Protein backbone atom coordinates (compact mmCIF):
# COMPACT_ATOMS: atom_id res chain seq x y z
CA MET A 1 -14.55 -2.29 8.09
CA ARG A 2 -12.44 -0.32 5.67
CA PRO A 3 -8.88 -1.32 4.89
CA ILE A 4 -6.21 1.22 5.76
CA ILE A 5 -3.43 1.56 3.19
CA GLU A 6 -0.44 3.66 4.21
CA PHE A 7 2.29 4.97 1.92
CA CYS A 8 5.65 6.56 2.67
CA ALA A 9 6.40 9.77 0.75
CA SER A 10 10.05 8.72 0.58
CA ASN A 11 9.06 5.57 -1.34
CA MET A 12 7.34 7.42 -4.17
CA HIS A 13 10.47 7.23 -6.37
CA HIS A 14 9.57 3.55 -6.88
CA GLY A 15 6.30 4.55 -8.56
CA THR A 16 4.11 4.04 -5.54
CA ASP A 17 2.63 7.51 -6.07
CA GLN A 18 0.65 6.08 -9.00
CA VAL A 19 -0.48 3.10 -6.92
CA MET A 20 -1.60 5.46 -4.16
CA LYS A 21 -3.55 7.63 -6.62
CA ALA A 22 -5.27 4.57 -8.10
CA LEU A 23 -6.25 3.21 -4.69
CA GLU A 24 -7.55 6.62 -3.59
CA GLN A 25 -10.21 6.29 -6.30
CA ASN A 26 -11.86 3.49 -4.32
CA PRO A 27 -14.21 5.07 -1.76
CA ASP A 28 -14.09 1.88 0.34
CA TYR A 29 -10.38 2.31 1.09
CA ASP A 30 -8.68 4.66 3.54
CA VAL A 31 -5.45 5.70 1.82
CA ILE A 32 -2.96 7.76 3.81
CA GLU A 33 0.43 9.21 2.88
CA TYR A 34 3.03 9.84 5.56
CA GLY A 35 6.39 11.56 5.35
CA CYS A 36 7.99 8.48 6.89
CA LEU A 37 6.67 5.13 8.05
CA GLY A 38 9.92 4.15 9.76
CA ASN A 39 10.67 1.20 7.48
CA CYS A 40 13.72 2.67 5.77
CA GLY A 41 15.16 -0.70 4.70
CA HIS A 42 11.98 -1.57 2.81
CA CYS A 43 11.56 1.97 1.56
CA TYR A 44 15.00 2.17 0.01
CA LEU A 45 14.95 -1.24 -1.67
CA ALA A 46 11.49 -1.76 -3.15
CA PRO A 47 7.96 -0.42 -3.59
CA TYR A 48 5.99 -1.04 -0.42
CA ALA A 49 2.97 0.02 1.59
CA LEU A 50 1.30 -0.94 4.84
CA VAL A 51 -2.09 -2.61 4.60
CA ASN A 52 -3.79 -2.68 7.98
CA GLY A 53 -0.34 -2.39 9.55
CA GLU A 54 1.22 -5.25 7.53
CA ILE A 55 4.16 -4.52 5.23
CA ILE A 56 3.40 -5.42 1.63
CA GLU A 57 6.27 -5.11 -0.85
CA ALA A 58 6.89 -6.12 -4.44
CA GLU A 59 9.45 -5.89 -7.22
CA THR A 60 7.52 -3.21 -9.11
CA ALA A 61 4.81 -0.68 -8.38
CA ASP A 62 2.35 -2.58 -10.61
CA LYS A 63 3.00 -5.80 -8.71
CA LEU A 64 2.59 -3.91 -5.45
CA HIS A 65 -0.83 -2.72 -6.58
CA GLU A 66 -1.83 -6.30 -7.42
CA LYS A 67 -0.58 -7.58 -4.05
CA ILE A 68 -2.40 -4.85 -2.14
CA GLU A 69 -5.68 -5.67 -3.87
CA GLU A 70 -5.13 -9.39 -3.15
CA VAL A 71 -4.38 -8.78 0.53
CA ILE A 72 -7.49 -6.59 0.85
CA ARG A 73 -9.70 -9.23 -0.84
CA ASP A 74 -8.39 -11.88 1.54
CA TRP A 75 -8.83 -9.58 4.53
CA LEU A 76 -12.42 -8.72 3.58
CA LYS A 77 -13.36 -12.41 3.36
CA GLN A 78 -13.15 -12.68 7.13
CA PHE A 79 -16.10 -10.27 7.40
CA GLU A 80 -18.40 -12.14 5.01
């Protein structure tokens, strides 16, 4: 199974555009950008993304990237 990572275009001002571009480089990930994910409270306040439907947020875009990778590693362990 491939993890699905979804980004909101309205959240890119937090630097999540760079996180999205970095994650797109991994051919094992499905990275999708939407105009709106309907999580306006999260979107306005902090960098965030959805990983397999779960909201992942952090204080900075770099920390978000780290959290996303951690969540994916943990998720993939269930398939080992």
